[in-house]
Amino acid sequence: MGFSGIENKKDAQKIIDDCIKSPTRRVMTTNGGTMLAQYEKEYAKGVGICVCGEIDDNGQFYYDYMYPYVRGTEVSSYDDISVERHAEKESYAGVCDDTRVGVTMIFYLQDAASYVRVKNSDLLPIKGTSLSLSALSTEGKIYLPLDKNPTQVRQYEKAVSKRQHLVEAARTGDEDAMELLTLGDMDTYNIISNRLRDDDVLSLVDTYFMPYGVECDQYMIMAEILHVAHVSNSMTGEKQYVMKLTCNDIEFDLCINDEDLYGDPQAGRRFKGQIWLQGYINYPARSKRTGSK
């Protein structure tokens, strides 16, 4: 995020004050008898700090928490989204079951104030919402791509499409689909186990997305790089990479500091690292895109 020099609360307070005094975007909404406020300040294109808190009757702002963010630029999923409040503060976690990933994606919800506004307006559930995912990373490596010919690419796309249909059928209780998925997983396991005797795992696995650590919104991923942008923090001057990635056919944006990335990121290569997954819900009023919800 370009704030590697922050060492104490005094340093953090300078950023908080800057966000409140000159925000790029400000959102306010009521929650019961409380006025919630959210101040966002971009320090690079799509990358910034969000400060959240409450405003009293006299207009005084009381800080609650802040978090770094990178805004997703693509619609990652049209699947159903559920949201739950964190126990310790007025922040939220989102849950999305997208069949392409293979695991339930849990993400930190950006723009919580807008969600609270929609929830308190008794508009939920809303049809036509979509999800834009993004991620932050503090450690990553760049790997060369796998050598795949056009025939292998077509075979992979066909296999992925077939598996997605089977997963969707299995969710509805189709026992034949469940059996085919189980047999397919066993075959894949046996093939990989045999090839690992002679080959490295990174030469066999193109992408993966799996939970990591004790935090439910952190993952270890291997993803293909689609696009790379080099940006700098307007306050500190520190450099970051903002990469558009695709992992299991899910597209999202990732931000990482230069000094935390090992290797030269280029389109077509792969990124491997630990991420903090974030998400932004696109409501129909904001987005012209439509989908099932």
Protein backbone atom coordinates (compact mmCIF):
# COMPACT_ATOMS: atom_id res chain seq x y z
CA MET A 1 0.00 0.00 0.00
CA GLY A 2 3.00 2.30 0.18
CA PHE A 3 2.88 2.85 3.94
CA SER A 4 5.67 0.53 5.05
CA GLY A 5 7.12 3.32 7.22
CA ILE A 6 4.20 3.30 9.68
CA GLU A 7 5.56 2.07 12.99
CA ASN A 8 3.17 3.41 15.63
CA LYS A 9 -0.24 4.99 16.24
CA LYS A 10 1.19 8.49 15.86
CA ASP A 11 2.22 7.71 12.28
CA ALA A 12 -1.17 6.15 11.58
CA GLN A 13 -2.96 9.20 12.98
CA LYS A 14 -1.40 11.40 10.28
CA ILE A 15 -2.99 9.21 7.62
CA ILE A 16 -6.33 9.19 9.43
CA ASP A 17 -6.34 12.99 9.63
CA ASP A 18 -5.45 13.28 5.95
CA CYS A 19 -8.30 10.95 4.93
CA ILE A 20 -10.85 12.90 6.98
CA LYS A 21 -9.68 16.36 5.85
CA SER A 22 -9.44 15.64 2.12
CA PRO A 23 -11.30 12.43 1.23
CA THR A 24 -11.66 11.20 -2.32
CA ARG A 25 -15.08 9.84 -1.39
CA ARG A 26 -17.31 10.12 1.66
CA VAL A 27 -20.32 7.97 2.57
CA MET A 28 -22.68 8.52 5.50
CA THR A 29 -25.72 6.56 6.63
CA THR A 30 -27.79 6.00 9.74
CA ASN A 31 -27.85 2.71 11.62
CA GLY A 32 -30.49 2.86 14.31
CA GLY A 33 -29.71 6.00 16.27
CA THR A 34 -26.10 6.16 15.06
CA MET A 35 -24.67 8.09 12.12
CA LEU A 36 -21.98 6.01 10.43
CA ALA A 37 -19.31 7.74 8.35
CA GLN A 38 -16.78 6.35 5.89
CA TYR A 39 -13.93 8.45 4.45
CA GLU A 40 -11.93 7.06 1.53
CA LYS A 41 -8.70 8.59 0.27
CA GLU A 42 -6.92 7.32 -2.84
CA TYR A 43 -3.13 7.49 -2.74
CA ALA A 44 -2.80 5.81 -6.15
CA LYS A 45 -5.36 4.96 -8.80
CA GLY A 46 -7.85 2.60 -7.15
CA VAL A 47 -5.63 2.14 -4.07
CA GLY A 48 -6.12 3.90 -0.76
CA ILE A 49 -7.18 4.01 2.88
CA CYS A 50 -10.72 3.89 4.26
CA VAL A 51 -11.42 5.43 7.69
CA CYS A 52 -14.66 4.43 9.43
CA GLY A 53 -16.38 5.78 12.51
CA GLU A 54 -19.40 7.61 13.92
CA ILE A 55 -20.61 11.22 13.90
CA ASP A 56 -22.48 12.62 16.91
CA ASP A 57 -25.29 15.19 16.97
CA ASN A 58 -22.76 18.03 17.05
CA GLY A 59 -21.01 16.85 13.90
CA GLN A 60 -17.97 15.48 15.77
CA PHE A 61 -16.35 12.44 14.13
CA TYR A 62 -15.22 9.55 16.36
CA TYR A 63 -12.72 7.17 14.79
CA ASP A 64 -13.45 3.44 14.97
CA TYR A 65 -11.08 1.69 12.55
CA MET A 66 -9.36 1.98 9.18
CA TYR A 67 -8.25 -0.45 6.51
CA PRO A 68 -6.28 -0.34 3.23
CA TYR A 69 -8.09 -1.20 0.04
CA VAL A 70 -7.65 -1.73 -3.67
CA ARG A 71 -10.78 -1.32 -5.75
CA GLY A 72 -11.70 -4.14 -8.10
CA THR A 73 -12.18 -3.02 -11.70
CA GLU A 74 -13.94 -6.11 -13.05
CA VAL A 75 -17.08 -8.04 -12.15
CA SER A 76 -15.70 -11.25 -10.63
CA SER A 77 -18.93 -13.12 -9.96
CA TYR A 78 -22.70 -12.94 -10.39
CA ASP A 79 -23.34 -15.72 -7.85
CA ASP A 80 -25.33 -15.22 -4.65
CA ILE A 81 -23.69 -13.17 -1.90
CA SER A 82 -24.42 -13.27 1.82
CA VAL A 83 -23.06 -10.77 4.35
CA GLU A 84 -22.39 -11.11 8.08
CA ARG A 85 -21.28 -8.47 10.58
CA HIS A 86 -17.99 -8.91 12.45
CA ALA A 87 -18.53 -9.25 16.20
CA GLU A 88 -16.00 -6.66 17.38
CA LYS A 89 -16.87 -3.68 15.14
CA GLU A 90 -19.16 -2.29 12.46
CA SER A 91 -17.44 -4.12 9.61
CA TYR A 92 -18.66 -6.99 7.50
CA ALA A 93 -17.59 -10.22 5.81
CA GLY A 94 -19.08 -11.38 2.54
CA VAL A 95 -19.54 -14.97 1.42
CA CYS A 96 -19.80 -16.14 -2.19
CA ASP A 97 -20.13 -19.73 -3.42
CA ASP A 98 -18.81 -19.61 -6.97
CA THR A 99 -18.51 -23.06 -8.54
CA ARG A 100 -15.39 -22.07 -10.49
CA VAL A 101 -13.23 -21.76 -7.36
CA GLY A 102 -14.07 -24.98 -5.57
CA VAL A 103 -14.14 -23.38 -2.11
CA THR A 104 -16.42 -20.85 -0.44
CA MET A 105 -14.91 -17.40 -0.92
CA ILE A 106 -15.02 -15.27 2.23
CA PHE A 107 -13.96 -11.66 1.74
CA TYR A 108 -13.71 -8.39 3.65
CA LEU A 109 -16.57 -6.18 2.52
CA GLN A 110 -15.56 -2.77 1.22
CA ASP A 111 -18.06 0.10 1.40
CA ALA A 112 -19.83 -1.22 4.49
CA ALA A 113 -21.80 2.03 4.85
CA SER A 114 -23.57 1.46 1.53
CA TYR A 115 -24.49 -2.08 2.57
CA VAL A 116 -25.91 -0.82 5.89
CA ARG A 117 -27.96 1.76 4.01
CA VAL A 118 -29.43 -0.91 1.72
CA LYS A 119 -30.05 -3.30 4.61
CA ASN A 120 -31.85 -0.70 6.72
CA SER A 121 -34.00 0.28 3.74
CA ASP A 122 -35.50 -3.25 3.75
CA LEU A 123 -34.38 -3.78 0.16
CA LEU A 124 -32.63 -7.11 0.73
CA PRO A 125 -32.40 -9.45 -1.04
CA ILE A 126 -31.70 -7.50 -4.23
CA LYS A 127 -31.72 -9.13 -7.65
CA GLY A 128 -29.09 -8.17 -10.18
CA THR A 129 -26.15 -7.57 -7.84
CA SER A 130 -22.62 -8.56 -8.78
CA LEU A 131 -19.31 -8.83 -6.96
CA SER A 132 -15.98 -7.14 -7.74
CA LEU A 133 -13.13 -8.85 -5.90
CA SER A 134 -9.69 -7.46 -5.12
CA ALA A 135 -6.77 -8.41 -2.90
CA LEU A 136 -3.77 -7.07 -1.01
CA SER A 137 -0.54 -8.99 -0.52
CA THR A 138 2.57 -8.51 1.59
CA GLU A 139 4.59 -11.32 0.01
CA GLY A 140 4.60 -12.79 -3.47
CA LYS A 141 6.72 -14.39 -6.18
CA ILE A 142 6.56 -14.40 -9.96
CA TYR A 143 6.74 -17.68 -11.89
CA LEU A 144 7.01 -18.39 -15.59
CA PRO A 145 3.85 -19.70 -17.30
CA LEU A 146 3.22 -23.31 -18.17
CA ASP A 147 3.97 -24.25 -21.77
CA LYS A 148 0.54 -25.01 -23.23
CA ASN A 149 -0.40 -25.44 -26.88
CA PRO A 150 -3.82 -24.38 -28.29
CA THR A 151 -5.15 -27.94 -28.09
CA GLN A 152 -4.32 -28.19 -24.39
CA VAL A 153 -5.98 -24.82 -23.74
CA ARG A 154 -9.20 -25.96 -25.44
CA GLN A 155 -9.15 -29.25 -23.52
CA TYR A 156 -8.70 -27.37 -20.25
CA GLU A 157 -11.57 -24.97 -20.99
CA LYS A 158 -13.83 -27.89 -21.90
CA ALA A 159 -12.93 -29.77 -18.70
CA VAL A 160 -13.55 -26.67 -16.56
CA SER A 161 -16.96 -26.09 -18.16
CA LYS A 162 -17.93 -29.73 -17.64
CA ARG A 163 -16.88 -29.63 -13.98
CA GLN A 164 -18.86 -26.45 -13.35
CA HIS A 165 -22.02 -28.06 -14.71
CA LEU A 166 -21.43 -31.13 -12.53
CA VAL A 167 -20.92 -29.00 -9.41
CA GLU A 168 -24.13 -27.08 -10.11
CA ALA A 169 -26.00 -30.34 -10.59
CA ALA A 170 -24.50 -31.81 -7.40
CA ARG A 171 -25.74 -28.79 -5.44
CA THR A 172 -29.29 -29.65 -6.46
CA GLY A 173 -28.88 -33.19 -5.14
CA ASP A 174 -27.94 -35.01 -8.35
CA GLU A 175 -26.27 -38.21 -7.09
CA ASP A 176 -24.82 -39.10 -10.50
CA ALA A 177 -23.07 -35.73 -10.63
CA MET A 178 -21.70 -36.26 -7.12
CA GLU A 179 -20.32 -39.65 -8.12
CA LEU A 180 -18.71 -38.29 -11.30
CA LEU A 181 -17.08 -35.46 -9.33
CA THR A 182 -15.72 -37.90 -6.76
CA LEU A 183 -14.32 -40.22 -9.42
CA GLY A 184 -12.82 -37.28 -11.29
CA ASP A 185 -11.08 -36.01 -8.16
CA MET A 186 -9.67 -39.47 -7.47
CA ASP A 187 -8.34 -39.75 -11.03
CA THR A 188 -6.76 -36.30 -10.80
CA TYR A 189 -5.14 -37.17 -7.47
CA ASN A 190 -3.67 -40.39 -8.86
CA ILE A 191 -2.34 -38.70 -12.01
CA ILE A 192 -0.68 -35.88 -10.08
CA SER A 193 0.74 -38.27 -7.45
CA ASN A 194 2.40 -40.33 -10.16
CA ARG A 195 3.80 -37.32 -12.02
CA LEU A 196 5.17 -35.73 -8.84
CA ARG A 197 7.78 -38.48 -8.73
CA ASP A 198 9.55 -36.79 -11.64
CA ASP A 199 8.02 -33.30 -11.98
CA ASP A 200 7.73 -30.24 -9.75
CA VAL A 201 4.21 -29.41 -8.57
CA LEU A 202 4.39 -25.90 -10.07
CA SER A 203 4.94 -27.43 -13.51
CA LEU A 204 1.70 -29.40 -13.12
CA VAL A 205 -0.64 -26.95 -11.41
CA ASP A 206 -1.51 -23.83 -13.42
CA THR A 207 -3.59 -21.97 -10.81
CA TYR A 208 -5.02 -22.66 -7.37
CA PHE A 209 -7.04 -20.86 -4.70
CA MET A 210 -7.03 -22.24 -1.15
CA PRO A 211 -7.64 -20.97 2.41
CA TYR A 212 -4.53 -20.00 4.34
CA GLY A 213 -3.92 -19.43 8.05
CA VAL A 214 -6.52 -18.76 10.75
CA GLU A 215 -8.13 -15.68 9.16
CA CYS A 216 -11.13 -16.70 7.05
CA ASP A 217 -10.53 -14.04 4.36
CA GLN A 218 -6.88 -14.91 3.68
CA TYR A 219 -5.84 -17.28 0.90
CA MET A 220 -2.81 -18.72 -0.83
CA ILE A 221 -3.12 -18.44 -4.59
CA MET A 222 -1.37 -19.14 -7.84
CA ALA A 223 -2.87 -16.97 -10.59
CA GLU A 224 -2.14 -15.89 -14.15
CA ILE A 225 -1.25 -12.23 -14.69
CA LEU A 226 -3.41 -10.48 -17.28
CA HIS A 227 -2.20 -6.90 -16.87
CA VAL A 228 0.36 -4.99 -14.77
CA ALA A 229 0.38 -1.32 -13.72
CA HIS A 230 3.20 0.37 -11.78
CA VAL A 231 1.92 3.10 -9.45
CA SER A 232 3.33 5.20 -6.62
CA ASN A 233 1.86 6.37 -3.31
CA SER A 234 1.17 10.12 -3.56
CA MET A 235 2.06 10.66 0.12
CA THR A 236 5.15 8.48 0.60
CA GLY A 237 6.36 7.95 -2.97
CA GLU A 238 6.64 4.19 -2.43
CA LYS A 239 6.04 2.04 -5.51
CA GLN A 240 3.44 -0.68 -5.89
CA TYR A 241 2.32 -3.10 -8.55
CA VAL A 242 -1.40 -3.34 -9.32
CA MET A 243 -2.01 -6.55 -11.25
CA LYS A 244 -5.12 -7.92 -12.88
CA LEU A 245 -5.17 -11.66 -12.20
CA THR A 246 -7.25 -14.64 -13.22
CA CYS A 247 -7.45 -17.65 -10.91
CA ASN A 248 -9.79 -20.54 -11.72
CA ASP A 249 -11.49 -18.19 -14.21
CA ILE A 250 -12.16 -15.61 -11.47
CA GLU A 251 -10.72 -12.18 -12.35
CA PHE A 252 -9.65 -9.70 -9.67
CA ASP A 253 -7.11 -6.94 -9.00
CA LEU A 254 -4.18 -7.28 -6.60
CA CYS A 255 -1.88 -4.65 -5.07
CA ILE A 256 1.56 -5.38 -3.62
CA ASN A 257 4.55 -3.20 -2.71
CA ASP A 258 7.59 -3.43 -4.97
CA GLU A 259 9.80 -4.53 -2.10
CA ASP A 260 7.42 -7.36 -1.19
CA LEU A 261 7.42 -8.93 -4.66
CA TYR A 262 10.18 -11.24 -5.89
CA GLY A 263 10.50 -11.34 -9.65
CA ASP A 264 9.44 -9.31 -12.67
CA PRO A 265 5.64 -9.30 -13.16
CA GLN A 266 4.54 -9.46 -16.79
CA ALA A 267 1.32 -10.43 -18.53
CA GLY A 268 1.25 -14.19 -19.08
CA ARG A 269 3.42 -15.01 -16.09
CA ARG A 270 2.06 -16.31 -12.80
CA PHE A 271 1.79 -14.75 -9.34
CA LYS A 272 2.06 -16.91 -6.22
CA GLY A 273 1.48 -15.50 -2.77
CA GLN A 274 -0.70 -14.95 0.27
CA ILE A 275 -3.57 -12.51 -0.17
CA TRP A 276 -6.19 -10.69 1.89
CA LEU A 277 -9.37 -10.97 -0.17
CA GLN A 278 -11.69 -7.96 -0.36
CA GLY A 279 -14.94 -7.42 -2.22
CA TYR A 280 -17.26 -4.66 -3.37
CA ILE A 281 -20.94 -5.32 -4.04
CA ASN A 282 -22.27 -3.68 -7.20
CA TYR A 283 -25.95 -2.87 -6.68
CA PRO A 284 -28.20 -2.48 -9.76
CA ALA A 285 -28.50 1.28 -9.21
CA ARG A 286 -24.69 1.60 -9.57
CA SER A 287 -23.98 -0.92 -12.28
CA LYS A 288 -25.66 -1.44 -15.63
CA ARG A 289 -24.55 -5.06 -15.57
CA THR A 290 -27.15 -7.63 -14.62
CA GLY A 291 -26.99 -11.10 -13.17
CA SER A 292 -28.86 -13.55 -10.99
CA LYS A 293 -29.01 -12.89 -7.29
